[in-house]
Structures are given as structure tokens and as C-alpha cells.
Protein backbone atom coordinates (compact mmCIF):
# COMPACT_ATOMS: atom_id res chain seq x y z
CA VAL A 1 -0.04 0.24 -0.08
CA ARG A 2 1.20 3.43 -1.03
CA ARG A 3 0.24 6.69 0.30
CA GLN A 4 -0.80 9.48 -2.01
CA SER A 5 1.07 12.57 -1.68
CA ARG A 6 -1.57 15.45 -2.04
CA PRO A 7 -5.30 15.58 -1.72
CA PHE A 8 -7.41 16.13 -4.77
CA THR A 9 -8.50 20.04 -4.54
CA GLY A 10 -11.05 19.96 -7.49
CA GLY A 11 -14.55 19.56 -7.73
CA SER A 12 -16.61 16.21 -7.94
CA THR A 13 -17.97 14.70 -11.11
CA ALA A 14 -21.16 16.05 -9.76
CA HIS A 15 -19.90 19.57 -9.97
CA ALA A 16 -18.40 19.00 -13.32
CA PHE A 17 -21.70 18.07 -14.73
CA GLY A 18 -23.80 20.50 -13.18
CA ASP A 19 -25.62 17.80 -10.98
CA THR A 20 -25.42 18.94 -7.34
CA SER A 21 -28.06 16.41 -6.32
CA ALA A 22 -25.79 13.65 -6.36
CA MET A 23 -23.51 15.37 -3.85
CA SER A 24 -23.16 14.12 -0.31
CA ALA A 25 -22.43 16.38 2.95
CA ILE A 26 -18.56 15.10 2.85
CA ASP A 27 -18.20 16.89 -0.55
CA ASN A 28 -18.75 20.36 1.05
CA SER A 29 -14.96 19.94 2.37
CA LYS A 30 -11.90 18.45 1.20
CA HIS A 31 -11.00 15.17 2.24
CA TRP A 32 -9.29 11.86 1.75
CA ARG A 33 -11.18 8.38 1.68
CA ILE A 34 -8.83 6.31 3.79
CA GLY A 35 -10.84 3.04 4.00
CA MET A 36 -14.06 0.90 3.82
CA LEU A 37 -15.88 -0.39 6.75
CA LEU A 38 -18.53 -3.02 5.50
CA GLY A 39 -19.15 -1.09 2.32
CA ILE A 40 -19.26 2.24 4.02
CA PRO A 41 -16.37 4.81 3.20
CA LEU A 42 -14.27 5.99 5.96
CA TYR A 43 -12.91 9.50 5.30
CA GLN A 44 -10.15 12.03 6.87
CA LEU A 45 -11.32 15.54 6.43
CA LEU A 46 -8.82 18.15 5.39
CA GLU A 47 -10.88 21.08 6.44
CA ASP A 48 -13.98 21.76 8.69
CA ASN A 49 -17.01 20.67 7.32
CA HIS A 50 -20.37 22.56 8.14
CA SER A 51 -22.68 20.29 6.30
CA LEU A 52 -22.81 16.90 8.11
CA GLY A 53 -25.41 17.73 11.09
CA HIS A 54 -25.81 16.85 14.56
CA ARG A 55 -27.71 14.58 16.47
CA ASN A 56 -31.49 14.98 15.90
CA PRO A 57 -33.93 15.47 18.82
CA GLN A 58 -35.61 12.21 18.37
CA ASP A 59 -32.33 10.29 18.56
CA ARG A 60 -31.92 8.52 21.82
CA HIS A 61 -27.93 9.09 21.66
CA ARG A 62 -28.12 12.83 21.83
CA ILE A 63 -25.21 14.48 23.78
CA PRO A 64 -25.82 17.58 25.93
CA LYS A 65 -26.34 20.90 24.09
CA HIS A 66 -23.25 22.41 25.70
CA LEU A 67 -21.19 19.76 24.04
CA ASN A 68 -22.52 20.17 20.47
CA LEU A 69 -19.83 21.24 18.17
CA PRO A 70 -20.55 23.80 15.36
CA THR A 71 -18.72 21.87 12.89
CA VAL A 72 -16.91 18.47 12.25
CA PRO A 73 -13.31 19.91 12.36
CA SER A 74 -10.49 19.23 10.04
CA GLY A 75 -8.53 15.96 11.11
CA ALA A 76 -11.58 14.09 12.27
CA ILE A 77 -12.45 10.73 10.95
CA VAL A 78 -15.98 10.37 9.49
CA ILE A 79 -17.58 7.06 8.63
CA GLY A 80 -20.14 7.86 5.98
CA GLY A 81 -20.61 10.69 3.64
CA GLY A 82 -23.99 11.84 5.29
CA SER A 83 -26.77 13.48 3.06
CA GLY A 84 -26.80 11.43 -0.38
CA GLU A 85 -24.72 8.68 1.14
CA HIS A 86 -24.84 6.51 4.36
CA PRO A 87 -25.38 8.65 7.43
CA ALA A 88 -22.20 10.04 9.02
CA ILE A 89 -20.63 8.99 12.10
CA ALA A 90 -18.00 11.59 13.22
CA LEU A 91 -14.89 10.50 15.46
CA TYR A 92 -13.64 13.73 16.67
CA ASP A 93 -10.33 12.28 18.05
CA PRO A 94 -8.37 9.83 16.17
CA ASN A 95 -5.75 9.62 18.95
CA HIS A 96 -8.28 8.52 21.24
CA CYS A 97 -9.39 5.76 19.10
CA VAL A 98 -5.69 4.40 18.79
CA ALA A 99 -5.05 4.63 22.72
CA ARG A 100 -8.38 2.61 23.11
CA TYR A 101 -7.27 0.09 20.72
CA LEU A 102 -3.98 -0.41 22.48
CA GLU A 103 -5.66 -0.37 25.70
CA PHE A 104 -7.84 -3.37 24.33
CA CYS A 105 -4.72 -5.12 23.47
CA MET A 106 -3.09 -4.96 26.87
CA ARG A 107 -6.07 -5.55 28.90
CA PHE A 108 -4.33 -8.56 30.33
CA GLU A 109 -1.50 -6.38 31.00
CA PRO A 110 -2.58 -3.16 32.24
CA SER A 111 0.80 -2.23 33.88
CA ARG A 112 2.28 -1.97 30.39
CA ILE A 113 0.10 0.97 29.60
CA ASP A 114 1.84 4.34 30.50
CA ALA A 115 0.24 7.49 31.96
CA GLU A 116 0.19 9.15 28.47
CA LEU A 117 -1.67 6.47 26.78
CA THR A 118 -4.17 6.22 30.02
CA ALA A 119 -4.62 10.00 29.61
CA ALA A 120 -5.52 9.47 25.87
CA CYS A 121 -7.90 6.68 26.67
CA ALA A 122 -10.10 8.83 28.82
CA ASN A 123 -13.24 10.30 27.41
CA MET A 124 -15.91 12.89 28.47
CA GLN A 125 -18.78 11.00 29.73
CA GLY A 126 -18.81 7.67 28.12
CA ASP A 127 -18.33 6.37 24.58
CA LEU A 128 -21.60 7.79 23.45
CA GLN A 129 -19.95 11.32 24.08
CA THR A 130 -17.02 10.35 21.83
CA VAL A 131 -19.04 9.15 18.93
CA GLU A 132 -21.25 11.54 17.10
CA TYR A 133 -24.26 10.13 14.98
CA CYS A 134 -24.77 13.04 12.79
CA ASN A 135 -28.63 13.53 11.77
CA TRP A 136 -29.33 9.84 12.74
CA LYS A 137 -32.80 8.42 12.91
CA SER A 138 -33.71 5.24 15.08
CA GLN A 139 -33.88 3.13 11.86
CA ASP A 140 -30.36 4.38 10.95
CA HIS A 141 -29.21 3.11 14.19
CA SER A 142 -31.03 -0.56 13.73
CA ASP A 143 -29.56 -0.88 10.30
CA PHE A 144 -26.08 -0.03 11.14
CA ARG A 145 -26.05 -2.37 14.30
CA ARG A 146 -27.74 -5.22 11.92
CA ARG A 147 -25.02 -4.31 9.46
CA CYS A 148 -22.10 -4.80 12.04
CA SER A 149 -23.38 -7.58 13.95
CA GLY A 150 -21.41 -10.18 12.29
CA LEU A 151 -18.23 -8.34 13.37
CA TYR A 152 -19.35 -6.93 16.64
CA ASP A 153 -21.26 -10.11 18.40
CA SER A 154 -18.18 -11.92 19.27
CA TYR A 155 -17.12 -8.82 21.44
CA ARG A 156 -20.43 -7.99 22.68
CA ASP A 157 -19.72 -9.04 26.30
CA GLU A 158 -16.30 -7.06 26.68
CA LEU A 159 -17.20 -3.85 24.69
CA SER A 160 -20.10 -1.33 24.15
CA PHE A 161 -21.06 -0.92 20.46
CA GLU A 162 -19.52 2.40 20.34
CA GLY A 163 -16.26 1.23 22.14
CA TRP A 164 -16.13 -1.30 19.69
CA LEU A 165 -16.22 1.17 16.71
CA LEU A 166 -13.64 3.37 18.29
CA ILE A 167 -11.06 0.54 18.76
CA VAL A 168 -11.69 -0.84 15.25
CA VAL A 169 -10.94 2.68 13.82
CA GLY A 170 -7.95 2.81 16.27
CA GLU A 171 -6.67 -0.56 14.86
CA PHE A 172 -6.76 0.58 11.33
CA LEU A 173 -5.19 3.87 11.90
CA PHE A 174 -2.38 2.22 14.02
CA HIS A 175 -1.30 -0.41 11.56
CA VAL A 176 -2.20 1.25 8.25
CA LEU A 177 -1.82 5.05 9.03
CA PRO A 178 0.56 5.53 11.82
CA THR A 179 1.70 8.70 10.11
CA TYR A 180 -1.76 10.28 10.90
CA SER A 181 -0.25 12.08 13.96
CA VAL A 182 2.82 12.18 16.10
CA PRO A 183 1.37 10.53 19.17
CA ILE A 184 0.25 7.49 17.03
CA GLN A 185 3.72 7.37 15.72
CA ASN A 186 5.09 7.46 18.85
CA TRP A 187 2.71 4.72 20.25
CA ARG A 188 3.58 2.45 17.33
CA ARG A 189 7.34 2.30 17.89
CA LYS A 190 6.55 1.79 21.48
CA TYR A 191 3.82 -0.75 21.50
CA ARG A 192 4.26 -2.47 18.12
CA ALA A 193 4.80 -5.96 19.68
CA GLU A 194 1.72 -5.73 21.77
CA ALA A 195 -0.46 -4.44 19.13
CA THR A 196 -2.44 -7.66 17.82
CA CYS A 197 -4.80 -7.22 14.93
CA TRP A 198 -7.96 -8.45 16.32
CA PHE A 199 -10.61 -7.18 14.33
CA ASN A 200 -9.39 -6.40 10.48
CA ALA A 201 -12.78 -4.74 10.03
CA ILE A 202 -11.75 -1.93 7.64
CA SER A 203 -10.63 -2.37 4.18
CA ILE A 204 -8.61 -0.19 1.72
CA PRO A 205 -10.95 0.82 -1.19
CA TYR A 206 -9.84 -0.39 -4.73
CA ASP A 207 -12.76 1.18 -6.64
CA SER A 208 -12.80 4.53 -8.29
CA TYR A 209 -13.47 7.47 -6.24
CA GLY A 210 -14.77 11.17 -7.17
CA GLY A 211 -16.26 13.65 -5.01
CA ASN A 212 -14.27 16.56 -3.47
CA GLY A 213 -11.43 14.41 -2.32
CA ARG A 214 -9.38 11.38 -3.43
CA ASP A 215 -8.21 8.26 -1.75
CA ARG A 216 -5.10 8.52 0.53
CA LEU A 217 -4.05 4.95 -0.20
CA ARG A 218 -3.73 2.83 -3.28
CA ILE A 219 -2.88 -0.82 -3.44
CA VAL A 220 0.37 -1.69 -5.29
CA ASP A 221 1.23 -5.36 -6.21
CA THR A 222 4.93 -5.93 -5.00
CA GLU A 223 5.63 -8.82 -7.27
CA PRO A 224 8.79 -7.99 -9.48
CA ASN A 225 6.46 -9.07 -12.61
CA ALA A 226 3.16 -7.80 -11.38
CA ALA A 227 1.11 -5.71 -13.92
CA PRO A 228 1.34 -1.99 -13.32
CA ASN A 229 -1.93 -0.42 -12.27
CA GLY A 230 -4.29 -0.46 -15.37
CA GLY A 231 -1.68 -2.18 -17.51
CA PRO A 232 -0.96 -5.56 -19.05
CA ALA A 233 0.94 -8.20 -16.98
CA ALA A 234 4.58 -8.25 -17.65
CA SER A 235 5.78 -11.08 -19.86
CA VAL A 236 7.82 -13.80 -18.10
CA ASP A 237 10.23 -16.41 -19.82
CA HIS A 238 9.58 -19.76 -18.69
CA SER A 239 11.74 -21.62 -21.15
CA ASN A 240 13.82 -22.90 -18.75
CA ALA A 241 11.32 -23.63 -16.03
CA PRO A 242 10.33 -27.21 -15.03
CA GLY A 243 7.24 -28.73 -15.93
CA GLY A 244 4.29 -27.16 -14.22
CA PRO A 245 0.71 -28.20 -13.36
CA PRO A 246 -1.17 -29.88 -16.08
CA SER A 247 -3.23 -27.29 -18.41
CA VAL A 248 -6.91 -27.33 -18.19
CA SER A 249 -8.87 -27.22 -21.34
């Protein structure tokens, strides 16, 4: 996997063809798509977003009004693009996600967790205050829980659903994007041996992506004779190779 060097700053294909109805709320700010969680895009915001929305009054997972943020800030992780896409989930503190993942990895050896990591694991008033469901309705919660049940159910006795979600994102950042922040880089150097991959819930997308952003990662085949992206496979001389498997016709 290679990291793309710069974000795309042009408009989406919807802008190019004058079709703004196809836009998602995420397209109102520059962003990278960094992964996929069960078919739902995972984004990194590169600038503040004022369109994703906040928790609806009918949503039982509301947070107190004094904790509502006016925007989803640059640097946040967003699951789902909102509006014309899957309803968005904003994770405001990616470092907290990674800290929670490492805490889970070392839950049987808590003495290995230092004071800095312990502080990063702390949240405001529980996991429901750390995860913001943007303009979600009751049916959205039911559908999303059902979608995640195959991965989450094995951990139901240990983790709340929101705790599991934070840890899943933290695992991905720790192993795939440790350069996301300086604290994550430092934790990777210190805790790499303790960081078991428990979940593997987030994949790297390989379909084409438009919108007001681009993919941060791209998949590259590391085999020496592999085809370049979008090109024909390199020819290999097998004239001196021993007999291979029988052909199938």
C-alpha cells in the first residue's frame, strides 16, 4: 500500500456535470477516503465541514447541548458521507481511537500502559459522548447495528458498540496510517509488539472515487513481474522452468 502525496482539490464529478443532487455532505469540504467499513466509506477531513449535521432531537443517543460542536473539524474521522450517502458518524479524536485500541490489546497486562496512553484513553462522559451520529434516526441505528453484528457480536460481552467502533478505527490507523499524528507514530514505535490485529474490519478501497477528495491510499502489487496499475501483465520467460501443473482446457 502506498500513500498518495497530495489531496485532490478539484470539484466532484457532480460539480463538473452540474448535478449537485448527487453530492454528499462530505463533498462540501476537502477530504481523503482512507478505508471502507462493511461497504461504508471512511474519510479523513482536510478542512472543517459544516454540512454533516448533529444529533436529532428524536435520537436517543443525544449529547448535552453544551457539548455540541458547530462543525466537524479538520482532522476528524468520518464514517459515511451523510446527506446523499450513508448517514455520517464523526469521530473527533483519532488519537483516542488508537489509544483505546492499544488499551484493549493490553487489557490483560494493564501495567504496560503508561500515563500518556491512559490519559488519551479517557473520554468525556462515556463512549456515546465520543462518537457523534450526525442526523441519525432510530432506523439508521437499527440498520447499522445489524450491518455490524457479524463483526461485533463476538465482542459484545467485552465492549459497548461505540467502544468497539472506536477500537476498530484505532486498529486501522495504528497499522495502516501510523503517520496520522505524532502520538500515533510514537505509540507504534513503543507498542508495536503488543498490538495484535483483532478485528481487521476496515479494508482499503480499490474502486474509483470522485467527489471533492481522493483516496489517500492505493494498492500496489509488490511482485516483481506484476502488472502496473491498469496495464498488461509483464511477460515472463518460462522456457527454462521445470514442468508446471497440467493445463486445463
